[in-house]
PDB file of all heavy atoms in Angstrom:
ATOM      1  N   LEU A   1       3.199   8.898 -22.122  1.00  0.00           N
ATOM      2  CA  LEU A   1       2.422   7.677 -22.322  1.00  0.00           C
ATOM      3  C   LEU A   1       2.400   6.843 -21.047  1.00  0.00           C
ATOM      4  O   LEU A   1       1.331   6.372 -20.619  1.00  0.00           O
ATOM      5  CB  LEU A   1       3.015   6.869 -23.475  1.00  0.00           C
ATOM      6  CG  LEU A   1       2.363   5.510 -23.740  1.00  0.00           C
ATOM      7  CD1 LEU A   1       0.888   5.685 -24.075  1.00  0.00           C
ATOM      8  CD2 LEU A   1       3.079   4.767 -24.865  1.00  0.00           C
ATOM      9  N   LEU A   2       3.567   6.657 -20.417  1.00  0.00           N
ATOM     10  CA  LEU A   2       3.631   5.862 -19.197  1.00  0.00           C
ATOM     11  C   LEU A   2       2.836   6.524 -18.070  1.00  0.00           C
ATOM     12  O   LEU A   2       2.163   5.844 -17.291  1.00  0.00           O
ATOM     13  CB  LEU A   2       5.088   5.663 -18.774  1.00  0.00           C
ATOM     14  CG  LEU A   2       5.909   4.698 -19.645  1.00  0.00           C
ATOM     15  CD1 LEU A   2       7.393   4.812 -19.319  1.00  0.00           C
ATOM     16  CD2 LEU A   2       5.432   3.264 -19.450  1.00  0.00           C
ATOM     17  N   SER A   3       2.900   7.858 -17.994  1.00  0.00           N
ATOM     18  CA  SER A   3       2.140   8.578 -16.959  1.00  0.00           C
ATOM     19  C   SER A   3       0.640   8.426 -17.169  1.00  0.00           C
ATOM     20  O   SER A   3      -0.124   8.246 -16.216  1.00  0.00           O
ATOM     21  CB  SER A   3       2.512  10.060 -16.962  1.00  0.00           C
ATOM     22  OG  SER A   3       3.876  10.249 -16.692  1.00  0.00           O
ATOM     23  N   LEU A   4       0.211   8.508 -18.428  1.00  0.00           N
ATOM     24  CA  LEU A   4      -1.211   8.331 -18.730  1.00  0.00           C
ATOM     25  C   LEU A   4      -1.671   6.917 -18.404  1.00  0.00           C
ATOM     26  O   LEU A   4      -2.736   6.721 -17.798  1.00  0.00           O
ATOM     27  CB  LEU A   4      -1.460   8.639 -20.213  1.00  0.00           C
ATOM     28  CG  LEU A   4      -2.896   8.420 -20.713  1.00  0.00           C
ATOM     29  CD1 LEU A   4      -3.875   9.313 -19.949  1.00  0.00           C
ATOM     30  CD2 LEU A   4      -2.982   8.693 -22.216  1.00  0.00           C
ATOM     31  N   LEU A   5      -0.862   5.930 -18.777  1.00  0.00           N
ATOM     32  CA  LEU A   5      -1.204   4.534 -18.473  1.00  0.00           C
ATOM     33  C   LEU A   5      -1.259   4.308 -16.964  1.00  0.00           C
ATOM     34  O   LEU A   5      -2.148   3.611 -16.460  1.00  0.00           O
ATOM     35  CB  LEU A   5      -0.183   3.589 -19.109  1.00  0.00           C
ATOM     36  CG  LEU A   5      -0.189   3.520 -20.639  1.00  0.00           C
ATOM     37  CD1 LEU A   5       0.956   2.657 -21.144  1.00  0.00           C
ATOM     38  CD2 LEU A   5      -1.518   2.987 -21.152  1.00  0.00           C
ATOM     39  N   MET A   6      -0.300   4.899 -16.246  1.00  0.00           N
ATOM     40  CA  MET A   6      -0.284   4.762 -14.788  1.00  0.00           C
ATOM     41  C   MET A   6      -1.508   5.432 -14.171  1.00  0.00           C
ATOM     42  O   MET A   6      -2.108   4.901 -13.228  1.00  0.00           O
ATOM     43  CB  MET A   6       1.002   5.363 -14.228  1.00  0.00           C
ATOM     44  CG  MET A   6       1.120   5.289 -12.723  1.00  0.00           C
ATOM     45  SD  MET A   6       2.797   5.579 -12.086  1.00  0.00           S
ATOM     46  CE  MET A   6       3.286   7.041 -13.011  1.00  0.00           C
ATOM     47  N   ALA A   7      -1.884   6.589 -14.696  1.00  0.00           N
ATOM     48  CA  ALA A   7      -3.055   7.299 -14.177  1.00  0.00           C
ATOM     49  C   ALA A   7      -4.328   6.475 -14.386  1.00  0.00           C
ATOM     50  O   ALA A   7      -5.166   6.364 -13.481  1.00  0.00           O
ATOM     51  CB  ALA A   7      -3.191   8.658 -14.853  1.00  0.00           C
ATOM     52  N   LEU A   8      -4.459   5.899 -15.573  1.00  0.00           N
ATOM     53  CA  LEU A   8      -5.673   5.144 -15.890  1.00  0.00           C
ATOM     54  C   LEU A   8      -5.701   3.774 -15.221  1.00  0.00           C
ATOM     55  O   LEU A   8      -6.654   3.429 -14.520  1.00  0.00           O
ATOM     56  CB  LEU A   8      -5.797   4.980 -17.410  1.00  0.00           C
ATOM     57  CG  LEU A   8      -6.173   6.229 -18.209  1.00  0.00           C
ATOM     58  CD1 LEU A   8      -6.142   5.920 -19.697  1.00  0.00           C
ATOM     59  CD2 LEU A   8      -7.546   6.732 -17.800  1.00  0.00           C
ATOM     60  N   PHE A   9      -4.646   2.994 -15.447  1.00  0.00           N
ATOM     61  CA  PHE A   9      -4.677   1.581 -15.064  1.00  0.00           C
ATOM     62  C   PHE A   9      -4.106   1.283 -13.690  1.00  0.00           C
ATOM     63  O   PHE A   9      -4.311   0.182 -13.169  1.00  0.00           O
ATOM     64  CB  PHE A   9      -3.934   0.752 -16.120  1.00  0.00           C
ATOM     65  CG  PHE A   9      -4.571   0.814 -17.473  1.00  0.00           C
ATOM     66  CD1 PHE A   9      -3.948   1.472 -18.527  1.00  0.00           C
ATOM     67  CD2 PHE A   9      -5.818   0.248 -17.702  1.00  0.00           C
ATOM     68  CE1 PHE A   9      -4.546   1.543 -19.776  1.00  0.00           C
ATOM     69  CE2 PHE A   9      -6.427   0.318 -18.948  1.00  0.00           C
ATOM     70  CZ  PHE A   9      -5.782   0.965 -19.990  1.00  0.00           C
ATOM     71  N   SER A  10      -3.381   2.250 -13.080  1.00  0.00           N
ATOM     72  CA  SER A  10      -2.832   2.006 -11.744  1.00  0.00           C
ATOM     73  C   SER A  10      -3.290   3.041 -10.729  1.00  0.00           C
ATOM     74  O   SER A  10      -2.797   3.059  -9.611  1.00  0.00           O
ATOM     75  CB  SER A  10      -1.296   1.993 -11.810  1.00  0.00           C
ATOM     76  OG  SER A  10      -0.831   0.881 -12.532  1.00  0.00           O
ATOM     77  N   THR A  11      -4.222   3.906 -11.129  1.00  0.00           N
ATOM     78  CA  THR A  11      -4.727   4.920 -10.201  1.00  0.00           C
ATOM     79  C   THR A  11      -6.250   4.993 -10.260  1.00  0.00           C
ATOM     80  O   THR A  11      -6.935   4.564  -9.334  1.00  0.00           O
ATOM     81  CB  THR A  11      -4.119   6.308 -10.513  1.00  0.00           C
ATOM     82  OG1 THR A  11      -2.695   6.201 -10.603  1.00  0.00           O
ATOM     83  CG2 THR A  11      -4.477   7.309  -9.430  1.00  0.00           C
ATOM     84  N   VAL A  12      -6.782   5.503 -11.352  1.00  0.00           N
ATOM     85  CA  VAL A  12      -8.224   5.771 -11.429  1.00  0.00           C
ATOM     86  C   VAL A  12      -9.049   4.483 -11.437  1.00  0.00           C
ATOM     87  O   VAL A  12      -9.933   4.287 -10.587  1.00  0.00           O
ATOM     88  CB  VAL A  12      -8.547   6.617 -12.677  1.00  0.00           C
ATOM     89  CG1 VAL A  12     -10.053   6.823 -12.798  1.00  0.00           C
ATOM     90  CG2 VAL A  12      -7.819   7.952 -12.622  1.00  0.00           C
ATOM     91  N   LEU A  13      -8.782   3.614 -12.398  1.00  0.00           N
ATOM     92  CA  LEU A  13      -9.593   2.398 -12.512  1.00  0.00           C
ATOM     93  C   LEU A  13      -9.472   1.483 -11.293  1.00  0.00           C
ATOM     94  O   LEU A  13     -10.502   0.967 -10.814  1.00  0.00           O
ATOM     95  CB  LEU A  13      -9.214   1.639 -13.795  1.00  0.00           C
ATOM     96  CG  LEU A  13      -9.675   2.305 -15.105  1.00  0.00           C
ATOM     97  CD1 LEU A  13      -9.179   1.521 -16.312  1.00  0.00           C
ATOM     98  CD2 LEU A  13     -11.189   2.440 -15.141  1.00  0.00           C
ATOM     99  N   PRO A  14      -8.268   1.252 -10.746  1.00  0.00           N
ATOM    100  CA  PRO A  14      -8.199   0.404  -9.542  1.00  0.00           C
ATOM    101  C   PRO A  14      -8.974   0.977  -8.360  1.00  0.00           C
ATOM    102  O   PRO A  14      -9.567   0.221  -7.594  1.00  0.00           O
ATOM    103  CB  PRO A  14      -6.694   0.333  -9.248  1.00  0.00           C
ATOM    104  CG  PRO A  14      -6.038   0.573 -10.542  1.00  0.00           C
ATOM    105  CD  PRO A  14      -6.925   1.558 -11.256  1.00  0.00           C
ATOM    106  N   VAL A  15      -8.941   2.315  -8.189  1.00  0.00           N
ATOM    107  CA  VAL A  15      -9.706   2.918  -7.096  1.00  0.00           C
ATOM    108  C   VAL A  15     -11.196   2.619  -7.261  1.00  0.00           C
ATOM    109  O   VAL A  15     -11.884   2.232  -6.312  1.00  0.00           O
ATOM    110  CB  VAL A  15      -9.459   4.448  -7.050  1.00  0.00           C
ATOM    111  CG1 VAL A  15     -10.490   5.128  -6.147  1.00  0.00           C
ATOM    112  CG2 VAL A  15      -8.052   4.748  -6.550  1.00  0.00           C
ATOM    113  N   TYR A  16     -11.692   2.783  -8.489  1.00  0.00           N
ATOM    114  CA  TYR A  16     -13.108   2.508  -8.743  1.00  0.00           C
ATOM    115  C   TYR A  16     -13.414   1.011  -8.615  1.00  0.00           C
ATOM    116  O   TYR A  16     -14.403   0.622  -7.972  1.00  0.00           O
ATOM    117  CB  TYR A  16     -13.501   2.997 -10.130  1.00  0.00           C
ATOM    118  CG  TYR A  16     -14.911   2.585 -10.510  1.00  0.00           C
ATOM    119  CD1 TYR A  16     -16.001   3.206  -9.937  1.00  0.00           C
ATOM    120  CD2 TYR A  16     -15.120   1.540 -11.423  1.00  0.00           C
ATOM    121  CE1 TYR A  16     -17.295   2.814 -10.258  1.00  0.00           C
ATOM    122  CE2 TYR A  16     -16.407   1.146 -11.751  1.00  0.00           C
ATOM    123  CZ  TYR A  16     -17.497   1.776 -11.168  1.00  0.00           C
ATOM    124  OH  TYR A  16     -18.768   1.382 -11.477  1.00  0.00           O
ATOM    125  N   PHE A  17     -12.566   0.174  -9.230  1.00  0.00           N
ATOM    126  CA  PHE A  17     -12.790  -1.282  -9.195  1.00  0.00           C
ATOM    127  C   PHE A  17     -12.804  -1.802  -7.757  1.00  0.00           C
ATOM    128  O   PHE A  17     -13.657  -2.623  -7.394  1.00  0.00           O
ATOM    129  CB  PHE A  17     -11.706  -2.012  -9.986  1.00  0.00           C
ATOM    130  CG  PHE A  17     -11.825  -1.843 -11.476  1.00  0.00           C
ATOM    131  CD1 PHE A  17     -10.719  -2.045 -12.302  1.00  0.00           C
ATOM    132  CD2 PHE A  17     -13.021  -1.497 -12.070  1.00  0.00           C
ATOM    133  CE1 PHE A  17     -10.822  -1.902 -13.673  1.00  0.00           C
ATOM    134  CE2 PHE A  17     -13.137  -1.347 -13.444  1.00  0.00           C
ATOM    135  CZ  PHE A  17     -12.031  -1.545 -14.243  1.00  0.00           C
ATOM    136  N   LEU A  18     -11.852  -1.333  -6.945  1.00  0.00           N
ATOM    137  CA  LEU A  18     -11.784  -1.810  -5.563  1.00  0.00           C
ATOM    138  C   LEU A  18     -13.004  -1.360  -4.770  1.00  0.00           C
ATOM    139  O   LEU A  18     -13.588  -2.150  -4.018  1.00  0.00           O
ATOM    140  CB  LEU A  18     -10.500  -1.304  -4.900  1.00  0.00           C
ATOM    141  CG  LEU A  18     -10.268  -1.788  -3.463  1.00  0.00           C
ATOM    142  CD1 LEU A  18     -10.184  -3.309  -3.420  1.00  0.00           C
ATOM    143  CD2 LEU A  18      -9.006  -1.169  -2.884  1.00  0.00           C
ATOM    144  N   SER A  19     -13.398  -0.110  -4.954  1.00  0.00           N
ATOM    145  CA  SER A  19     -14.570   0.404  -4.258  1.00  0.00           C
ATOM    146  C   SER A  19     -15.820  -0.394  -4.624  1.00  0.00           C
ATOM    147  O   SER A  19     -16.590  -0.801  -3.743  1.00  0.00           O
ATOM    148  CB  SER A  19     -14.764   1.879  -4.600  1.00  0.00           C
ATOM    149  OG  SER A  19     -15.950   2.377  -4.033  1.00  0.00           O
ATOM    150  N   GLU A  20     -16.006  -0.633  -5.911  1.00  0.00           N
ATOM    151  CA  GLU A  20     -17.175  -1.385  -6.366  1.00  0.00           C
ATOM    152  C   GLU A  20     -17.077  -2.848  -5.960  1.00  0.00           C
ATOM    153  O   GLU A  20     -18.076  -3.486  -5.609  1.00  0.00           O
ATOM    154  CB  GLU A  20     -17.302  -1.252  -7.888  1.00  0.00           C
ATOM    155  CG  GLU A  20     -18.541  -1.905  -8.482  1.00  0.00           C
ATOM    156  CD  GLU A  20     -19.850  -1.305  -8.003  1.00  0.00           C
ATOM    157  OE1 GLU A  20     -19.830  -0.159  -7.491  1.00  0.00           O
ATOM    158  OE2 GLU A  20     -20.892  -1.964  -8.143  1.00  0.00           O
ATOM    159  N   GLY A  21     -15.873  -3.406  -6.000  1.00  0.00           N
ATOM    160  CA  GLY A  21     -15.685  -4.801  -5.590  1.00  0.00           C
ATOM    161  C   GLY A  21     -16.001  -5.007  -4.131  1.00  0.00           C
ATOM    162  O   GLY A  21     -16.646  -6.001  -3.751  1.00  0.00           O
ATOM    163  N   ILE A  22     -15.559  -4.067  -3.280  1.00  0.00           N
ATOM    164  CA  ILE A  22     -15.856  -4.157  -1.848  1.00  0.00           C
ATOM    165  C   ILE A  22     -17.351  -4.085  -1.613  1.00  0.00           C
ATOM    166  O   ILE A  22     -17.897  -4.786  -0.757  1.00  0.00           O
ATOM    167  CB  ILE A  22     -15.110  -3.035  -1.086  1.00  0.00           C
ATOM    168  CG1 ILE A  22     -13.610  -3.320  -1.058  1.00  0.00           C
ATOM    169  CG2 ILE A  22     -15.654  -2.895   0.336  1.00  0.00           C
ATOM    170  CD1 ILE A  22     -12.787  -2.209  -0.465  1.00  0.00           C
ATOM    171  N   ARG A  23     -18.022  -3.241  -2.372  1.00  0.00           N
ATOM    172  CA  ARG A  23     -19.484  -3.130  -2.229  1.00  0.00           C
ATOM    173  C   ARG A  23     -20.169  -4.459  -2.527  1.00  0.00           C
ATOM    174  O   ARG A  23     -21.186  -4.806  -1.906  1.00  0.00           O
ATOM    175  CB  ARG A  23     -20.019  -2.046  -3.159  1.00  0.00           C
ATOM    176  CG  ARG A  23     -21.502  -1.737  -2.970  1.00  0.00           C
ATOM    177  CD  ARG A  23     -21.987  -0.704  -3.962  1.00  0.00           C
ATOM    178  NE  ARG A  23     -22.040  -1.238  -5.325  1.00  0.00           N
ATOM    179  CZ  ARG A  23     -23.050  -1.995  -5.797  1.00  0.00           C
ATOM    180  NH1 ARG A  23     -24.062  -2.309  -5.015  1.00  0.00           N
ATOM    181  NH2 ARG A  23     -23.040  -2.414  -7.045  1.00  0.00           N
ATOM    182  N   ARG A  24     -19.606  -5.226  -3.450  1.00  0.00           N
ATOM    183  CA  ARG A  24     -20.257  -6.472  -3.877  1.00  0.00           C
ATOM    184  C   ARG A  24     -19.878  -7.692  -3.032  1.00  0.00           C
ATOM    185  O   ARG A  24     -20.701  -8.592  -2.852  1.00  0.00           O
ATOM    186  CB  ARG A  24     -19.920  -6.750  -5.344  1.00  0.00           C
ATOM    187  CG  ARG A  24     -20.428  -5.662  -6.286  1.00  0.00           C
ATOM    188  CD  ARG A  24     -20.201  -6.014  -7.735  1.00  0.00           C
ATOM    189  NE  ARG A  24     -20.556  -4.891  -8.613  1.00  0.00           N
ATOM    190  CZ  ARG A  24     -20.788  -5.011  -9.912  1.00  0.00           C
ATOM    191  NH1 ARG A  24     -20.706  -6.192 -10.499  1.00  0.00           N
ATOM    192  NH2 ARG A  24     -21.099  -3.944 -10.628  1.00  0.00           N
ATOM    193  N   ILE A  25     -18.638  -7.755  -2.535  1.00  0.00           N
ATOM    194  CA  ILE A  25     -18.213  -8.959  -1.818  1.00  0.00           C
ATOM    195  C   ILE A  25     -17.734  -8.693  -0.395  1.00  0.00           C
ATOM    196  O   ILE A  25     -17.448  -9.628   0.350  1.00  0.00           O
ATOM    197  CB  ILE A  25     -17.100  -9.716  -2.581  1.00  0.00           C
ATOM    198  CG1 ILE A  25     -15.823  -8.869  -2.651  1.00  0.00           C
ATOM    199  CG2 ILE A  25     -17.571 -10.115  -3.961  1.00  0.00           C
ATOM    200  CD1 ILE A  25     -14.640  -9.619  -3.265  1.00  0.00           C
ATOM    201  N   GLY A  26     -17.652  -7.420   0.005  1.00  0.00           N
ATOM    202  CA  GLY A  26     -17.212  -7.095   1.359  1.00  0.00           C
ATOM    203  C   GLY A  26     -15.709  -6.874   1.447  1.00  0.00           C
ATOM    204  O   GLY A  26     -14.941  -7.414   0.651  1.00  0.00           O
ATOM    205  N   SER A  27     -15.305  -6.096   2.446  1.00  0.00           N
ATOM    206  CA  SER A  27     -13.897  -5.718   2.570  1.00  0.00           C
ATOM    207  C   SER A  27     -13.005  -6.890   2.968  1.00  0.00           C
ATOM    208  O   SER A  27     -11.853  -6.982   2.536  1.00  0.00           O
ATOM    209  CB  SER A  27     -13.743  -4.595   3.594  1.00  0.00           C
ATOM    210  OG  SER A  27     -14.272  -4.990   4.855  1.00  0.00           O
ATOM    211  N   SER A  28     -13.503  -7.808   3.792  1.00  0.00           N
ATOM    212  CA  SER A  28     -12.667  -8.920   4.245  1.00  0.00           C
ATOM    213  C   SER A  28     -12.293  -9.834   3.091  1.00  0.00           C
ATOM    214  O   SER A  28     -11.136 -10.236   2.947  1.00  0.00           O
ATOM    215  CB  SER A  28     -13.385  -9.717   5.346  1.00  0.00           C
ATOM    216  OG  SER A  28     -14.618 -10.232   4.866  1.00  0.00           O
ATOM    217  N   HIS A  29     -13.286 -10.169   2.238  1.00  0.00           N
ATOM    218  CA  HIS A  29     -12.986 -11.017   1.085  1.00  0.00           C
ATOM    219  C   HIS A  29     -12.102 -10.271   0.077  1.00  0.00           C
ATOM    220  O   HIS A  29     -11.211 -10.856  -0.534  1.00  0.00           O
ATOM    221  CB  HIS A  29     -14.288 -11.463   0.408  1.00  0.00           C
ATOM    222  CG  HIS A  29     -15.071 -12.453   1.214  1.00  0.00           C
ATOM    223  ND1 HIS A  29     -16.281 -12.144   1.794  1.00  0.00           N
ATOM    224  CD2 HIS A  29     -14.825 -13.737   1.564  1.00  0.00           C
ATOM    225  CE1 HIS A  29     -16.744 -13.191   2.442  1.00  0.00           C
ATOM    226  NE2 HIS A  29     -15.875 -14.174   2.331  1.00  0.00           N
ATOM    227  N   ALA A  30     -12.346  -8.981  -0.074  1.00  0.00           N
ATOM    228  CA  ALA A  30     -11.532  -8.190  -0.996  1.00  0.00           C
ATOM    229  C   ALA A  30     -10.081  -8.156  -0.546  1.00  0.00           C
ATOM    230  O   ALA A  30      -9.155  -8.251  -1.363  1.00  0.00           O
ATOM    231  CB  ALA A  30     -12.082  -6.766  -1.100  1.00  0.00           C
ATOM    232  N   SER A  31      -9.854  -8.033   0.768  1.00  0.00           N
ATOM    233  CA  SER A  31      -8.477  -7.984   1.268  1.00  0.00           C
ATOM    234  C   SER A  31      -7.758  -9.305   1.039  1.00  0.00           C
ATOM    235  O   SER A  31      -6.548  -9.330   0.775  1.00  0.00           O
ATOM    236  CB  SER A  31      -8.470  -7.631   2.762  1.00  0.00           C
ATOM    237  OG  SER A  31      -9.071  -8.659   3.519  1.00  0.00           O
ATOM    238  N   MET A  32      -8.491 -10.413   1.128  1.00  0.00           N
ATOM    239  CA  MET A  32      -7.863 -11.724   0.871  1.00  0.00           C
ATOM    240  C   MET A  32      -7.431 -11.848  -0.588  1.00  0.00           C
ATOM    241  O   MET A  32      -6.353 -12.352  -0.895  1.00  0.00           O
ATOM    242  CB  MET A  32      -8.840 -12.853   1.222  1.00  0.00           C
ATOM    243  CG  MET A  32      -9.164 -12.966   2.703  1.00  0.00           C
ATOM    244  SD  MET A  32      -7.722 -13.308   3.735  1.00  0.00           S
ATOM    245  CE  MET A  32      -7.420 -11.678   4.421  1.00  0.00           C
ATOM    246  N   ILE A  33      -8.281 -11.379  -1.498  1.00  0.00           N
ATOM    247  CA  ILE A  33      -7.941 -11.433  -2.926  1.00  0.00           C
ATOM    248  C   ILE A  33      -6.737 -10.539  -3.206  1.00  0.00           C
ATOM    249  O   ILE A  33      -5.882 -10.849  -4.053  1.00  0.00           O
ATOM    250  CB  ILE A  33      -9.140 -10.991  -3.780  1.00  0.00           C
ATOM    251  CG1 ILE A  33     -10.300 -11.980  -3.603  1.00  0.00           C
ATOM    252  CG2 ILE A  33      -8.765 -10.895  -5.258  1.00  0.00           C
ATOM    253  CD1 ILE A  33     -11.601 -11.526  -4.236  1.00  0.00           C
ATOM    254  N   GLY A  34      -6.623  -9.434  -2.463  1.00  0.00           N
ATOM    255  CA  GLY A  34      -5.508  -8.513  -2.641  1.00  0.00           C
ATOM    256  C   GLY A  34      -4.156  -9.128  -2.350  1.00  0.00           C
ATOM    257  O   GLY A  34      -3.119  -8.556  -2.707  1.00  0.00           O
ATOM    258  N   PHE A  35      -4.136 -10.305  -1.724  1.00  0.00           N
ATOM    259  CA  PHE A  35      -2.870 -10.965  -1.425  1.00  0.00           C
ATOM    260  C   PHE A  35      -2.124 -11.374  -2.690  1.00  0.00           C
ATOM    261  O   PHE A  35      -0.935 -11.670  -2.641  1.00  0.00           O
ATOM    262  CB  PHE A  35      -3.125 -12.217  -0.564  1.00  0.00           C
ATOM    263  CG  PHE A  35      -3.110 -11.940   0.898  1.00  0.00           C
ATOM    264  CD1 PHE A  35      -4.110 -11.202   1.492  1.00  0.00           C
ATOM    265  CD2 PHE A  35      -2.082 -12.391   1.703  1.00  0.00           C
ATOM    266  CE1 PHE A  35      -4.102 -10.922   2.837  1.00  0.00           C
ATOM    267  CE2 PHE A  35      -2.056 -12.128   3.054  1.00  0.00           C
ATOM    268  CZ  PHE A  35      -3.069 -11.383   3.628  1.00  0.00           C
ATOM    269  N   ILE A  36      -2.794 -11.371  -3.811  1.00  0.00           N
ATOM    270  CA  ILE A  36      -2.124 -11.737  -5.056  1.00  0.00           C
ATOM    271  C   ILE A  36      -1.232 -10.603  -5.554  1.00  0.00           C
ATOM    272  O   ILE A  36      -0.381 -10.807  -6.426  1.00  0.00           O
ATOM    273  CB  ILE A  36      -3.169 -12.117  -6.138  1.00  0.00           C
ATOM    274  CG1 ILE A  36      -2.503 -12.904  -7.275  1.00  0.00           C
ATOM    275  CG2 ILE A  36      -3.861 -10.874  -6.681  1.00  0.00           C
ATOM    276  CD1 ILE A  36      -3.486 -13.454  -8.289  1.00  0.00           C
ATOM    277  N   GLY A  37      -1.393  -9.396  -4.992  1.00  0.00           N
ATOM    278  CA  GLY A  37      -0.664  -8.225  -5.461  1.00  0.00           C
ATOM    279  C   GLY A  37       0.838  -8.383  -5.536  1.00  0.00           C
ATOM    280  O   GLY A  37       1.451  -8.145  -6.592  1.00  0.00           O
ATOM    281  N   PRO A  38       1.517  -8.752  -4.438  1.00  0.00           N
ATOM    282  CA  PRO A  38       2.975  -8.903  -4.507  1.00  0.00           C
ATOM    283  C   PRO A  38       3.437  -9.935  -5.525  1.00  0.00           C
ATOM    284  O   PRO A  38       4.478  -9.764  -6.170  1.00  0.00           O
ATOM    285  CB  PRO A  38       3.340  -9.335  -3.079  1.00  0.00           C
ATOM    286  CG  PRO A  38       2.251  -8.784  -2.229  1.00  0.00           C
ATOM    287  CD  PRO A  38       1.005  -8.905  -3.070  1.00  0.00           C
ATOM    288  N   VAL A  39       2.657 -10.999  -5.676  1.00  0.00           N
ATOM    289  CA  VAL A  39       3.015 -12.032  -6.661  1.00  0.00           C
ATOM    290  C   VAL A  39       2.981 -11.445  -8.067  1.00  0.00           C
ATOM    291  O   VAL A  39       3.880 -11.685  -8.888  1.00  0.00           O
ATOM    292  CB  VAL A  39       2.050 -13.236  -6.561  1.00  0.00           C
ATOM    293  CG1 VAL A  39       2.423 -14.304  -7.577  1.00  0.00           C
ATOM    294  CG2 VAL A  39       2.045 -13.807  -5.151  1.00  0.00           C
ATOM    295  N   ILE A  40       1.941 -10.651  -8.355  1.00  0.00           N
ATOM    296  CA  ILE A  40       1.813 -10.018  -9.671  1.00  0.00           C
ATOM    297  C   ILE A  40       2.978  -9.069  -9.928  1.00  0.00           C
ATOM    298  O   ILE A  40       3.560  -9.058 -11.018  1.00  0.00           O
ATOM    299  CB  ILE A  40       0.475  -9.260  -9.769  1.00  0.00           C
ATOM    300  CG1 ILE A  40      -0.707 -10.240  -9.715  1.00  0.00           C
ATOM    301  CG2 ILE A  40       0.417  -8.449 -11.063  1.00  0.00           C
ATOM    302  CD1 ILE A  40      -2.050  -9.558  -9.614  1.00  0.00           C
ATOM    303  N   THR A  41       3.341  -8.266  -8.909  1.00  0.00           N
ATOM    304  CA  THR A  41       4.423  -7.304  -9.087  1.00  0.00           C
ATOM    305  C   THR A  41       5.740  -8.003  -9.378  1.00  0.00           C
ATOM    306  O   THR A  41       6.502  -7.585 -10.255  1.00  0.00           O
ATOM    307  CB  THR A  41       4.574  -6.420  -7.836  1.00  0.00           C
ATOM    308  OG1 THR A  41       3.344  -5.733  -7.601  1.00  0.00           O
ATOM    309  CG2 THR A  41       5.676  -5.396  -8.029  1.00  0.00           C
ATOM    310  N   ILE A  42       6.040  -9.049  -8.629  1.00  0.00           N
ATOM    311  CA  ILE A  42       7.292  -9.787  -8.855  1.00  0.00           C
ATOM    312  C   ILE A  42       7.303 -10.408 -10.236  1.00  0.00           C
ATOM    313  O   ILE A  42       8.323 -10.388 -10.946  1.00  0.00           O
ATOM    314  CB  ILE A  42       7.479 -10.850  -7.752  1.00  0.00           C
ATOM    315  CG1 ILE A  42       7.786 -10.153  -6.414  1.00  0.00           C
ATOM    316  CG2 ILE A  42       8.599 -11.826  -8.112  1.00  0.00           C
ATOM    317  CD1 ILE A  42       7.870 -11.089  -5.241  1.00  0.00           C
ATOM    318  N   PHE A  43       6.158 -10.941 -10.668  1.00  0.00           N
ATOM    319  CA  PHE A  43       6.071 -11.538 -12.012  1.00  0.00           C
ATOM    320  C   PHE A  43       6.271 -10.468 -13.081  1.00  0.00           C
ATOM    321  O   PHE A  43       7.063 -10.653 -14.020  1.00  0.00           O
ATOM    322  CB  PHE A  43       4.716 -12.211 -12.184  1.00  0.00           C
ATOM    323  CG  PHE A  43       4.436 -12.662 -13.594  1.00  0.00           C
ATOM    324  CD1 PHE A  43       5.050 -13.791 -14.124  1.00  0.00           C
ATOM    325  CD2 PHE A  43       3.572 -11.938 -14.412  1.00  0.00           C
ATOM    326  CE1 PHE A  43       4.817 -14.197 -15.427  1.00  0.00           C
ATOM    327  CE2 PHE A  43       3.320 -12.335 -15.716  1.00  0.00           C
ATOM    328  CZ  PHE A  43       3.949 -13.467 -16.221  1.00  0.00           C
TER     329      PHE A  43
END
């Protein structure tokens, strides 16, 4: 179950979401939003 969840929600979907997000707002803005990542992990 954990492997499936990791595959879907931490591998496949993020790859697609990031690719599509960059297409819509550009890589520089996407990288700035990505700064929230460490905060989310610690939380």
